[in-house]
């Protein structure tokens, strides 16, 4: 049985927000006369940017492991692909190339491999960035489906058509979502350096901070969309077999949550829909209540930005 021993209290819970992809306030879908693929125009706030020309996959019968492709943009050193459904993000990717397979795999995954797959109709878009991070070009949203399904309902408008309403830009990591003051308050001390974050090929956003005067006092967060329920269920079953008294099924987080602790700190893991969340603190064991509160905030702000 896991034993929690408090090292020190947390004075505050760091507000957390995680968003994946560019969910734009789009005009009604039309048909692209070149590709015969339903598209949704960008909102007015993005209308002045050049277009990223999308070339593949087809709008229907794209399969569960389609390759997304687009034409190069002059001056671009990085592209951000976002795949979204009407109720939120499906998958996101960031990189230098102008094509990528859904899930970030080099080849089509074998059947039964437990890979991330396109399961239902969605929309996708690509943004292009310069070396200094400036936004260069933005595509319209284009429909895609693994089968012959009709286009999914358009995503909820996140920016709207009001030019005064700022667009929700794609993130390369979770780090920009936290101010220096918030991180310092959470760690109860100055961080050693800016947060170290990443956006992995499977769409996982993460960030990690370390306190300057204590390398064991850390804060890490990781959010990944598109996780298979079967994978989570198998992991949960294994965890409970190993430790039947493992703290789990926390209030407001549901049965699909558990917490464990080791020499590295306390970790809370959960799945909400198809989104996997991990919150880890180097505060050695006993910070379970604060960790649960952080997880609630992560889910709340994640859904606010992606619904």
Protein backbone atom coordinates (compact mmCIF):
# COMPACT_ATOMS: atom_id res chain seq x y z
CA UNK A 1 0.00 0.00 0.00
CA UNK A 2 1.28 3.45 -0.87
CA UNK A 3 2.01 5.61 2.18
CA UNK A 4 1.81 9.38 1.80
CA UNK A 5 4.07 11.50 4.03
CA UNK A 6 3.78 15.27 3.73
CA UNK A 7 6.99 17.15 3.13
CA UNK A 8 5.52 20.66 3.10
CA UNK A 9 2.19 22.30 2.28
CA UNK A 10 1.50 24.02 -1.01
CA UNK A 11 0.53 27.63 -0.51
CA UNK A 12 -1.39 27.84 -3.76
CA UNK A 13 -2.48 25.78 -6.71
CA UNK A 14 -0.97 26.93 -9.98
CA UNK A 15 -3.60 27.76 -12.59
CA UNK A 16 -3.13 25.39 -15.51
CA UNK A 17 -4.36 25.66 -19.07
CA UNK A 18 -3.57 23.33 -21.92
CA UNK A 19 -4.71 23.74 -25.51
CA UNK A 20 -3.83 21.84 -28.68
CA UNK A 21 -4.36 23.06 -32.21
CA UNK A 22 -5.91 26.13 -33.75
CA UNK A 23 -9.69 26.02 -33.18
CA UNK A 24 -10.89 28.92 -35.28
CA UNK A 25 -14.22 30.63 -35.59
CA UNK A 26 -14.97 29.41 -39.10
CA UNK A 27 -17.42 30.30 -41.81
CA UNK A 28 -19.87 27.58 -42.97
CA UNK A 29 -18.31 24.71 -44.85
CA UNK A 30 -18.04 24.92 -48.64
CA UNK A 31 -16.57 22.63 -51.27
CA UNK A 32 -13.01 23.09 -52.51
CA UNK A 33 -13.31 22.95 -56.29
CA UNK A 34 -9.78 21.61 -56.70
CA UNK A 35 -9.89 18.73 -54.25
CA UNK A 36 -13.66 18.33 -53.85
CA UNK A 37 -13.06 18.43 -50.09
CA UNK A 38 -15.38 20.39 -47.78
CA UNK A 39 -13.53 23.33 -46.25
CA UNK A 40 -14.31 26.02 -43.68
CA UNK A 41 -12.87 29.50 -44.19
CA UNK A 42 -10.68 31.16 -41.59
CA UNK A 43 -12.18 33.81 -39.30
CA UNK A 44 -11.68 37.48 -40.07
CA UNK A 45 -8.87 37.79 -37.51
CA UNK A 46 -6.72 35.46 -39.67
CA UNK A 47 -7.98 36.46 -43.11
CA UNK A 48 -4.95 38.61 -44.00
CA UNK A 49 -2.44 35.78 -43.63
CA UNK A 50 -1.33 33.81 -46.72
CA UNK A 51 -2.87 30.37 -47.16
CA UNK A 52 -1.10 27.10 -46.50
CA UNK A 53 -2.17 24.94 -49.45
CA UNK A 54 -3.29 21.51 -48.25
CA UNK A 55 -2.81 18.61 -50.69
CA UNK A 56 -3.66 15.34 -48.90
CA UNK A 57 -5.43 13.26 -47.69
CA UNK A 58 -8.81 12.97 -49.39
CA UNK A 59 -11.86 14.16 -47.50
CA UNK A 60 -13.37 10.67 -47.30
CA UNK A 61 -12.03 7.11 -47.26
CA UNK A 62 -8.70 8.41 -45.99
CA UNK A 63 -8.22 5.36 -43.76
CA UNK A 64 -7.34 5.32 -40.10
CA UNK A 65 -3.66 6.16 -40.70
CA UNK A 66 -3.73 8.91 -43.35
CA UNK A 67 -0.74 10.97 -44.40
CA UNK A 68 -1.36 14.72 -44.21
CA UNK A 69 0.55 16.87 -46.70
CA UNK A 70 0.76 20.51 -47.80
CA UNK A 71 2.92 22.74 -49.99
CA UNK A 72 5.96 24.53 -48.51
CA UNK A 73 5.60 28.13 -47.36
CA UNK A 74 8.43 30.53 -48.18
CA UNK A 75 10.44 31.34 -45.06
CA UNK A 76 8.75 28.72 -42.89
CA UNK A 77 10.96 26.57 -40.66
CA UNK A 78 8.18 24.88 -38.69
CA UNK A 79 4.63 23.74 -39.34
CA UNK A 80 1.84 22.92 -36.91
CA UNK A 81 -0.82 20.41 -37.91
CA UNK A 82 -4.02 20.29 -35.88
CA UNK A 83 -6.77 17.68 -36.25
CA UNK A 84 -9.99 18.58 -34.45
CA UNK A 85 -13.50 17.23 -34.02
CA UNK A 86 -16.63 19.19 -33.17
CA UNK A 87 -16.05 18.54 -29.46
CA UNK A 88 -12.34 19.22 -29.25
CA UNK A 89 -8.83 18.22 -30.39
CA UNK A 90 -8.05 14.81 -31.86
CA UNK A 91 -4.31 15.03 -32.55
CA UNK A 92 -1.60 17.64 -33.14
CA UNK A 93 1.92 17.65 -34.53
CA UNK A 94 4.75 20.16 -34.99
CA UNK A 95 7.81 19.77 -37.20
CA UNK A 96 9.88 20.89 -40.19
CA UNK A 97 8.53 18.58 -42.90
CA UNK A 98 5.51 19.19 -45.12
CA UNK A 99 3.89 15.82 -44.52
CA UNK A 100 3.25 13.56 -41.57
CA UNK A 101 1.27 10.39 -40.92
CA UNK A 102 -1.55 10.59 -38.39
CA UNK A 103 -0.04 9.69 -35.02
CA UNK A 104 3.48 10.67 -36.12
CA UNK A 105 4.43 7.16 -37.24
CA UNK A 106 6.99 6.55 -39.99
CA UNK A 107 4.89 3.73 -41.45
CA UNK A 108 1.31 2.64 -41.10
CA UNK A 109 0.97 0.82 -37.75
CA UNK A 110 0.09 -2.84 -37.84
CA UNK A 111 -3.44 -3.89 -36.95
CA UNK A 112 -3.85 -4.42 -33.22
CA UNK A 113 -0.73 -2.42 -32.37
CA UNK A 114 -2.66 -0.04 -30.13
CA UNK A 115 -1.61 2.95 -32.22
CA UNK A 116 -3.33 6.33 -32.40
CA UNK A 117 -5.75 6.21 -35.32
CA UNK A 118 -8.27 8.46 -37.01
CA UNK A 119 -11.53 6.90 -35.82
CA UNK A 120 -14.17 9.31 -37.11
CA UNK A 121 -14.77 12.37 -39.29
CA UNK A 122 -12.78 15.46 -38.29
CA UNK A 123 -11.26 18.70 -39.60
CA UNK A 124 -7.60 19.59 -40.05
CA UNK A 125 -5.51 22.71 -40.59
CA UNK A 126 -1.86 23.72 -40.86
CA UNK A 127 -0.06 26.86 -39.69
CA UNK A 128 3.45 27.91 -40.79
CA UNK A 129 6.02 29.73 -38.64
CA UNK A 130 9.27 31.62 -39.24
CA UNK A 131 12.50 31.00 -37.33
CA UNK A 132 11.60 33.74 -34.82
CA UNK A 133 8.22 32.10 -34.13
CA UNK A 134 6.19 34.59 -36.18
CA UNK A 135 3.05 33.22 -37.81
CA UNK A 136 3.50 33.24 -41.61
CA UNK A 137 0.49 31.42 -43.07
CA UNK A 138 -2.68 29.62 -42.04
CA UNK A 139 -4.78 27.12 -43.95
CA UNK A 140 -8.54 26.82 -43.92
CA UNK A 141 -10.01 23.88 -42.06
CA UNK A 142 -10.47 20.86 -44.34
CA UNK A 143 -12.68 17.85 -43.72
CA UNK A 144 -11.23 14.34 -43.40
CA UNK A 145 -12.82 11.00 -42.56
CA UNK A 146 -11.47 7.45 -42.38
CA UNK A 147 -14.50 6.16 -44.27
CA UNK A 148 -17.35 7.55 -46.39
CA UNK A 149 -18.81 9.53 -43.48
CA UNK A 150 -20.16 13.04 -43.99
CA UNK A 151 -18.08 15.92 -42.58
CA UNK A 152 -18.21 16.36 -38.82
CA UNK A 153 -19.94 19.44 -37.39
CA UNK A 154 -17.58 22.39 -37.32
CA UNK A 155 -15.60 22.96 -34.10
CA UNK A 156 -16.99 25.49 -31.69
CA UNK A 157 -15.65 28.98 -32.44
CA UNK A 158 -12.74 29.72 -30.15
CA UNK A 159 -11.75 33.09 -31.57
CA UNK A 160 -14.88 34.19 -33.37
CA UNK A 161 -15.06 36.50 -36.35
CA UNK A 162 -14.45 39.64 -34.30
CA UNK A 163 -11.00 41.00 -35.32
CA UNK A 164 -10.57 42.29 -31.77
CA UNK A 165 -10.82 38.74 -30.45
CA UNK A 166 -7.34 37.16 -30.35
CA UNK A 167 -6.85 33.80 -32.04
CA UNK A 168 -5.89 30.79 -29.97
CA UNK A 169 -2.49 29.94 -31.37
CA UNK A 170 -1.01 26.45 -31.35
CA UNK A 171 1.42 25.68 -28.55
CA UNK A 172 4.80 24.02 -28.75
CA UNK A 173 4.61 23.09 -25.07
CA UNK A 174 2.64 23.81 -21.92
CA UNK A 175 5.30 26.25 -20.68
CA UNK A 176 3.88 29.50 -22.12
CA UNK A 177 0.68 28.91 -20.16
CA UNK A 178 2.38 29.76 -16.84
CA UNK A 179 3.79 33.11 -15.78
CA UNK A 180 7.10 33.31 -13.93
CA UNK A 181 5.27 34.51 -10.82
CA UNK A 182 2.86 31.56 -10.87
CA UNK A 183 5.67 29.05 -11.22
CA UNK A 184 7.58 30.64 -8.37
CA UNK A 185 4.52 30.62 -6.14
CA UNK A 186 3.79 27.00 -6.93
CA UNK A 187 7.35 25.89 -6.23
CA UNK A 188 7.51 28.14 -3.15
CA UNK A 189 10.80 29.40 -4.51
CA UNK A 190 12.49 30.69 -7.65
CA UNK A 191 12.78 28.18 -10.52
CA UNK A 192 16.28 27.32 -11.66
CA UNK A 193 15.48 28.14 -15.29
CA UNK A 194 12.55 28.66 -17.63
CA UNK A 195 10.34 25.63 -17.99
CA UNK A 196 11.54 22.88 -20.27
CA UNK A 197 8.69 21.84 -22.54
CA UNK A 198 7.89 19.95 -25.70
CA UNK A 199 5.22 18.97 -28.18
CA UNK A 200 5.81 15.34 -29.11
CA UNK A 201 4.87 13.66 -32.35
CA UNK A 202 1.87 11.98 -30.72
CA UNK A 203 0.42 15.35 -29.70
CA UNK A 204 1.57 15.35 -26.06
CA UNK A 205 2.08 18.81 -24.57
CA UNK A 206 4.38 18.92 -21.56
CA UNK A 207 6.44 21.20 -19.36
CA UNK A 208 8.73 20.79 -16.37
CA UNK A 209 10.14 23.23 -13.82
CA UNK A 210 12.79 22.75 -11.10
CA UNK A 211 13.30 24.91 -8.04
CA UNK A 212 16.64 26.71 -7.98
CA UNK A 213 17.67 25.68 -4.46
CA UNK A 214 16.31 22.14 -4.51
CA UNK A 215 16.54 19.93 -7.60
CA UNK A 216 14.01 17.49 -6.13
CA UNK A 217 11.26 20.11 -5.96
CA UNK A 218 9.80 19.90 -9.45
CA UNK A 219 6.50 20.30 -11.20
CA UNK A 220 5.63 18.40 -14.37
CA UNK A 221 2.48 18.27 -16.46
CA UNK A 222 1.67 16.21 -19.51
CA UNK A 223 -1.52 16.12 -21.60
CA UNK A 224 -2.05 13.77 -24.52
CA UNK A 225 -5.18 13.49 -26.69
CA UNK A 226 -6.28 10.48 -28.70
CA UNK A 227 -5.58 7.80 -26.09
CA UNK A 228 -7.36 4.47 -26.54
CA UNK A 229 -9.69 3.54 -23.72
CA UNK A 230 -8.52 -0.09 -23.93
CA UNK A 231 -4.94 0.95 -23.23
CA UNK A 232 -5.98 2.87 -20.12
CA UNK A 233 -8.19 0.04 -18.83
CA UNK A 234 -5.34 -2.45 -19.14
CA UNK A 235 -2.97 -0.12 -17.31
CA UNK A 236 -5.51 0.55 -14.55
CA UNK A 237 -6.17 -3.15 -14.08
CA UNK A 238 -2.44 -3.85 -13.77
CA UNK A 239 -1.97 -1.05 -11.22
CA UNK A 240 -4.78 -2.31 -9.00
CA UNK A 241 -3.61 -5.91 -9.21
CA UNK A 242 -0.18 -4.80 -8.01
CA UNK A 243 -1.63 -2.60 -5.24
CA UNK A 244 -5.35 -3.17 -4.48
CA UNK A 245 -5.31 -0.22 -2.05
CA UNK A 246 -3.86 2.21 -4.57
CA UNK A 247 -5.60 5.60 -4.10
CA UNK A 248 -7.94 6.00 -7.07
CA UNK A 249 -11.39 7.14 -8.25
CA UNK A 250 -11.05 10.64 -6.81
CA UNK A 251 -14.07 12.90 -6.40
CA UNK A 252 -14.81 14.97 -9.52
CA UNK A 253 -12.15 13.04 -11.42
CA UNK A 254 -14.07 9.78 -11.67
CA UNK A 255 -13.09 6.14 -11.53
CA UNK A 256 -10.50 6.65 -14.24
CA UNK A 257 -7.91 8.27 -12.00
CA UNK A 258 -5.22 7.05 -9.64
CA UNK A 259 -2.29 8.39 -7.64
CA UNK A 260 1.02 6.82 -6.83
CA UNK A 261 4.18 8.02 -5.08
CA UNK A 262 7.84 7.05 -5.14
CA UNK A 263 11.21 8.63 -4.42
CA UNK A 264 10.59 11.13 -7.20
CA UNK A 265 7.39 12.56 -5.75
CA UNK A 266 3.64 12.24 -6.22
CA UNK A 267 1.91 11.57 -9.53
CA UNK A 268 -1.75 11.74 -10.46
CA UNK A 269 -2.84 10.11 -13.70
CA UNK A 270 -6.28 10.10 -15.27
CA UNK A 271 -8.16 9.80 -18.53
CA UNK A 272 -11.03 12.09 -19.46
CA UNK A 273 -12.72 10.99 -22.69
CA UNK A 274 -9.69 10.25 -24.86
CA UNK A 275 -7.40 12.76 -23.12
CA UNK A 276 -4.69 11.42 -20.82
CA UNK A 277 -3.39 13.71 -18.09
CA UNK A 278 -0.43 13.33 -15.77
CA UNK A 279 0.43 15.79 -13.00
CA UNK A 280 3.60 15.12 -11.05
CA UNK A 281 5.18 16.96 -8.15
CA UNK A 282 8.60 16.50 -6.63
CA UNK A 283 7.05 17.48 -3.30
CA UNK A 284 7.63 14.11 -1.73
CA UNK A 285 4.34 12.37 -1.00
CA UNK A 286 1.53 13.96 0.84
CA UNK A 287 0.61 16.58 -1.72
CA UNK A 288 -2.30 14.54 -2.97
CA UNK A 289 -5.00 17.12 -2.29
CA UNK A 290 -3.13 19.88 -4.09
CA UNK A 291 -2.30 17.56 -6.97
CA UNK A 292 -5.97 16.67 -7.37
CA UNK A 293 -6.84 20.37 -7.38
CA UNK A 294 -4.25 21.01 -10.09
CA UNK A 295 -5.68 18.17 -12.19
CA UNK A 296 -9.17 19.64 -11.92
CA UNK A 297 -7.85 22.98 -13.14
CA UNK A 298 -5.98 21.35 -16.00
CA UNK A 299 -9.12 19.62 -17.22
CA UNK A 300 -11.26 22.72 -16.78
CA UNK A 301 -8.92 24.99 -18.71
CA UNK A 302 -8.13 22.38 -21.33
CA UNK A 303 -11.83 21.97 -22.09
CA UNK A 304 -12.36 25.72 -22.11
CA UNK A 305 -9.70 26.14 -24.79
CA UNK A 306 -10.68 23.16 -26.92
CA UNK A 307 -14.50 23.05 -26.83
